[in-house]
Amino acid sequence: MPRSSKNSMVPHTSTPPAVIRPQAPSLLQTIQEGLAFGLGSSVARNIVDRFLQPSLPLRSTCLDEHAAFDKCILTHNEVGLCLDENDRLKRCISSR
């Protein structure tokens, strides 16, 4: 049975959708996320320790130094301007 000319196939002319590529995070964003994750993990660990073993003192986690360093980075958006806070944080961590 012959095909009619009305049902002939029309070539596909639409273009494929554009690929959306996510933008890579900057170094500063990566540092901020890492510090926030580390600080959050530290706080959570202390809460769990306190709940499971209330007689033990809180671990020394340099929370004040972390907070000062985070605040400096968020304020200045440059690690080079936060060298004092970074040094205090490193000294705290190395003294543990």
N, C-alpha and C. Protein backbone atom coordinates (compact mmCIF):
# COMPACT_ATOMS: atom_id res chain seq x y z
N MET A 1 0.83 -1.15 0.00
CA MET A 1 0.00 0.00 0.00
C MET A 1 0.89 1.24 0.00
N PRO A 2 0.70 2.11 -0.97
CA PRO A 2 1.55 3.30 -1.07
C PRO A 2 1.17 4.34 -0.03
N ARG A 3 2.18 5.05 0.40
CA ARG A 3 1.94 6.13 1.37
C ARG A 3 1.47 7.38 0.64
N SER A 4 0.64 8.12 1.33
CA SER A 4 0.20 9.37 0.71
C SER A 4 1.22 10.46 0.98
N SER A 5 1.25 11.45 0.16
CA SER A 5 2.22 12.54 0.31
C SER A 5 1.88 13.44 1.50
N LYS A 6 0.67 13.36 2.01
CA LYS A 6 0.29 14.19 3.16
C LYS A 6 0.98 13.76 4.45
N ASN A 7 1.35 12.52 4.55
CA ASN A 7 1.95 12.00 5.78
C ASN A 7 3.48 11.95 5.70
N SER A 8 4.06 12.66 4.77
CA SER A 8 5.52 12.62 4.67
C SER A 8 6.15 13.26 5.90
N MET A 9 7.29 12.77 6.26
CA MET A 9 7.96 13.26 7.47
C MET A 9 8.63 14.60 7.19
N VAL A 10 8.50 15.49 8.15
CA VAL A 10 9.13 16.81 8.07
C VAL A 10 10.41 16.74 8.89
N PRO A 11 11.53 17.23 8.36
CA PRO A 11 12.78 17.17 9.13
C PRO A 11 12.67 17.99 10.42
N HIS A 12 13.32 17.48 11.45
CA HIS A 12 13.32 18.11 12.77
C HIS A 12 14.23 19.34 12.71
N THR A 13 13.69 20.51 13.01
CA THR A 13 14.48 21.74 12.88
C THR A 13 14.74 22.46 14.20
N SER A 14 14.22 21.96 15.31
CA SER A 14 14.45 22.67 16.58
C SER A 14 15.87 22.38 17.09
N THR A 15 16.40 23.33 17.83
CA THR A 15 17.75 23.18 18.39
C THR A 15 17.66 22.50 19.74
N PRO A 16 18.70 21.75 20.10
CA PRO A 16 18.69 21.10 21.42
C PRO A 16 18.79 22.16 22.52
N PRO A 17 18.29 21.85 23.69
CA PRO A 17 18.37 22.82 24.80
C PRO A 17 19.82 23.09 25.19
N ALA A 18 20.07 24.30 25.62
CA ALA A 18 21.41 24.69 26.04
C ALA A 18 21.75 24.00 27.35
N VAL A 19 22.99 23.59 27.47
CA VAL A 19 23.47 22.95 28.69
C VAL A 19 23.85 24.04 29.68
N ILE A 20 23.28 23.98 30.87
CA ILE A 20 23.59 24.96 31.90
C ILE A 20 24.67 24.37 32.78
N ARG A 21 25.81 25.02 32.78
CA ARG A 21 26.93 24.53 33.59
C ARG A 21 27.00 25.35 34.86
N PRO A 22 27.05 24.67 36.01
CA PRO A 22 27.15 25.43 37.26
C PRO A 22 28.51 26.13 37.36
N GLN A 23 28.48 27.28 37.98
CA GLN A 23 29.70 28.05 38.12
C GLN A 23 30.50 27.49 39.30
N ALA A 24 31.79 27.31 39.12
CA ALA A 24 32.64 26.79 40.18
C ALA A 24 32.74 27.81 41.30
N PRO A 25 32.70 27.34 42.56
CA PRO A 25 32.80 28.29 43.67
C PRO A 25 34.21 28.89 43.74
N SER A 26 34.28 30.09 44.26
CA SER A 26 35.58 30.74 44.39
C SER A 26 36.31 30.17 45.60
N LEU A 27 37.57 30.48 45.70
CA LEU A 27 38.38 30.00 46.82
C LEU A 27 37.82 30.51 48.14
N LEU A 28 37.40 31.77 48.18
CA LEU A 28 36.86 32.34 49.40
C LEU A 28 35.58 31.62 49.83
N GLN A 29 34.71 31.30 48.87
CA GLN A 29 33.49 30.58 49.20
C GLN A 29 33.82 29.20 49.74
N THR A 30 34.80 28.55 49.17
CA THR A 30 35.20 27.23 49.62
C THR A 30 35.74 27.29 51.05
N ILE A 31 36.56 28.29 51.34
CA ILE A 31 37.11 28.45 52.69
C ILE A 31 36.00 28.73 53.68
N GLN A 32 35.08 29.62 53.32
CA GLN A 32 33.97 29.94 54.22
C GLN A 32 33.11 28.71 54.51
N GLU A 33 32.81 27.94 53.48
CA GLU A 33 32.00 26.74 53.68
C GLU A 33 32.74 25.73 54.56
N GLY A 34 34.03 25.59 54.34
CA GLY A 34 34.82 24.66 55.15
C GLY A 34 34.87 25.08 56.61
N LEU A 35 35.07 26.36 56.85
CA LEU A 35 35.10 26.85 58.23
C LEU A 35 33.74 26.71 58.90
N ALA A 36 32.69 27.02 58.16
CA ALA A 36 31.35 26.90 58.73
C ALA A 36 31.04 25.44 59.04
N PHE A 37 31.42 24.53 58.16
CA PHE A 37 31.18 23.10 58.40
C PHE A 37 31.98 22.63 59.61
N GLY A 38 33.25 23.04 59.69
CA GLY A 38 34.09 22.64 60.82
C GLY A 38 33.56 23.17 62.14
N LEU A 39 33.14 24.41 62.14
CA LEU A 39 32.59 25.02 63.36
C LEU A 39 31.30 24.33 63.77
N GLY A 40 30.43 24.07 62.80
CA GLY A 40 29.17 23.38 63.09
C GLY A 40 29.41 21.97 63.61
N SER A 41 30.36 21.27 63.02
CA SER A 41 30.69 19.91 63.47
C SER A 41 31.22 19.93 64.89
N SER A 42 32.05 20.91 65.18
CA SER A 42 32.62 21.03 66.51
C SER A 42 31.53 21.29 67.56
N VAL A 43 30.63 22.20 67.26
CA VAL A 43 29.54 22.50 68.19
C VAL A 43 28.66 21.27 68.38
N ALA A 44 28.33 20.60 67.28
CA ALA A 44 27.48 19.41 67.38
C ALA A 44 28.16 18.31 68.20
N ARG A 45 29.45 18.12 68.01
CA ARG A 45 30.19 17.11 68.77
C ARG A 45 30.17 17.43 70.27
N ASN A 46 30.34 18.71 70.61
CA ASN A 46 30.30 19.09 72.02
C ASN A 46 28.92 18.88 72.62
N ILE A 47 27.88 19.17 71.88
CA ILE A 47 26.52 18.97 72.39
C ILE A 47 26.26 17.49 72.64
N VAL A 48 26.66 16.65 71.68
CA VAL A 48 26.47 15.21 71.85
C VAL A 48 27.29 14.70 73.03
N ASP A 49 28.53 15.14 73.14
CA ASP A 49 29.36 14.73 74.29
C ASP A 49 28.72 15.14 75.61
N ARG A 50 28.22 16.35 75.67
CA ARG A 50 27.61 16.85 76.90
C ARG A 50 26.34 16.06 77.24
N PHE A 51 25.59 15.69 76.22
CA PHE A 51 24.36 14.95 76.45
C PHE A 51 24.65 13.51 76.89
N LEU A 52 25.62 12.87 76.24
CA LEU A 52 25.91 11.47 76.55
C LEU A 52 26.74 11.31 77.82
N GLN A 53 27.61 12.26 78.10
CA GLN A 53 28.47 12.18 79.28
C GLN A 53 28.49 13.54 79.98
N PRO A 54 27.45 13.86 80.73
CA PRO A 54 27.34 15.20 81.32
C PRO A 54 28.43 15.54 82.32
N SER A 55 29.14 14.57 82.86
CA SER A 55 30.17 14.87 83.86
C SER A 55 31.47 15.35 83.22
N LEU A 56 31.64 15.18 81.91
CA LEU A 56 32.88 15.59 81.26
C LEU A 56 32.83 17.07 80.88
N PRO A 57 33.94 17.79 81.00
CA PRO A 57 33.95 19.19 80.55
C PRO A 57 33.93 19.25 79.03
N LEU A 58 33.54 20.40 78.49
CA LEU A 58 33.54 20.58 77.05
C LEU A 58 34.95 20.50 76.49
N ARG A 59 35.08 19.94 75.30
CA ARG A 59 36.40 19.88 74.66
C ARG A 59 36.84 21.29 74.28
N SER A 60 38.14 21.48 74.27
CA SER A 60 38.67 22.74 73.80
C SER A 60 38.66 22.73 72.28
N THR A 61 37.76 23.49 71.69
CA THR A 61 37.61 23.43 70.23
C THR A 61 37.92 24.76 69.56
N CYS A 62 38.42 25.72 70.29
CA CYS A 62 38.81 27.00 69.70
C CYS A 62 37.62 27.70 69.05
N LEU A 63 36.45 27.62 69.67
CA LEU A 63 35.25 28.22 69.10
C LEU A 63 35.38 29.72 68.95
N ASP A 64 35.95 30.39 69.96
CA ASP A 64 36.10 31.84 69.88
C ASP A 64 37.03 32.25 68.73
N GLU A 65 38.12 31.50 68.57
CA GLU A 65 39.07 31.80 67.50
C GLU A 65 38.44 31.54 66.13
N HIS A 66 37.70 30.44 66.02
CA HIS A 66 36.99 30.15 64.76
C HIS A 66 36.01 31.28 64.43
N ALA A 67 35.25 31.69 65.44
CA ALA A 67 34.24 32.73 65.21
C ALA A 67 34.90 34.05 64.80
N ALA A 68 36.02 34.41 65.45
CA ALA A 68 36.71 35.66 65.10
C ALA A 68 37.26 35.60 63.68
N PHE A 69 37.81 34.45 63.30
CA PHE A 69 38.36 34.30 61.95
C PHE A 69 37.24 34.35 60.91
N ASP A 70 36.13 33.65 61.17
CA ASP A 70 34.98 33.68 60.26
C ASP A 70 34.45 35.09 60.09
N LYS A 71 34.32 35.81 61.19
CA LYS A 71 33.79 37.18 61.14
C LYS A 71 34.72 38.08 60.32
N CYS A 72 36.02 37.92 60.51
CA CYS A 72 36.99 38.73 59.77
C CYS A 72 36.89 38.45 58.28
N ILE A 73 36.81 37.18 57.90
CA ILE A 73 36.73 36.83 56.47
C ILE A 73 35.44 37.36 55.87
N LEU A 74 34.33 37.21 56.59
CA LEU A 74 33.06 37.70 56.06
C LEU A 74 33.04 39.22 55.95
N THR A 75 33.74 39.90 56.85
CA THR A 75 33.78 41.36 56.84
C THR A 75 34.65 41.88 55.71
N HIS A 76 35.85 41.29 55.55
CA HIS A 76 36.82 41.82 54.61
C HIS A 76 36.85 41.11 53.26
N ASN A 77 36.30 39.92 53.18
CA ASN A 77 36.32 39.10 51.96
C ASN A 77 37.73 38.88 51.44
N GLU A 78 38.70 38.84 52.35
CA GLU A 78 40.08 38.58 51.95
C GLU A 78 40.82 37.96 53.12
N VAL A 79 41.41 36.81 52.88
CA VAL A 79 42.12 36.09 53.94
C VAL A 79 43.35 36.87 54.38
N GLY A 80 43.99 37.59 53.47
CA GLY A 80 45.21 38.32 53.80
C GLY A 80 45.02 39.39 54.86
N LEU A 81 43.80 39.89 55.02
CA LEU A 81 43.54 40.91 56.04
C LEU A 81 43.22 40.29 57.40
N CYS A 82 43.18 38.98 57.47
CA CYS A 82 42.81 38.29 58.72
C CYS A 82 43.97 37.44 59.26
N LEU A 83 45.18 37.91 59.07
CA LEU A 83 46.34 37.12 59.48
C LEU A 83 46.42 36.96 61.00
N ASP A 84 46.07 38.01 61.76
CA ASP A 84 46.13 37.91 63.22
C ASP A 84 45.15 36.86 63.72
N GLU A 85 43.93 36.88 63.20
CA GLU A 85 42.92 35.91 63.61
C GLU A 85 43.34 34.50 63.20
N ASN A 86 43.94 34.39 62.03
CA ASN A 86 44.40 33.09 61.56
C ASN A 86 45.52 32.56 62.45
N ASP A 87 46.45 33.43 62.86
CA ASP A 87 47.54 33.00 63.74
C ASP A 87 46.99 32.53 65.09
N ARG A 88 46.03 33.28 65.65
CA ARG A 88 45.44 32.86 66.93
C ARG A 88 44.74 31.51 66.81
N LEU A 89 44.05 31.31 65.71
CA LEU A 89 43.37 30.05 65.49
C LEU A 89 44.38 28.90 65.36
N LYS A 90 45.44 29.11 64.62
CA LYS A 90 46.47 28.08 64.47
C LYS A 90 47.13 27.74 65.81
N ARG A 91 47.42 28.78 66.60
CA ARG A 91 48.01 28.53 67.94
C ARG A 91 47.07 27.74 68.82
N CYS A 92 45.78 28.07 68.77
CA CYS A 92 44.79 27.35 69.58
C CYS A 92 44.73 25.89 69.16
N ILE A 93 44.68 25.66 67.86
CA ILE A 93 44.58 24.28 67.37
C ILE A 93 45.84 23.49 67.72
N SER A 94 47.00 24.10 67.59
CA SER A 94 48.24 23.37 67.87
C SER A 94 48.43 23.13 69.37
N SER A 95 47.76 23.89 70.22
CA SER A 95 47.91 23.70 71.67
C SER A 95 47.01 22.60 72.21
N ARG A 96 46.14 22.06 71.39
CA ARG A 96 45.22 21.01 71.84
C ARG A 96 45.92 19.72 72.08
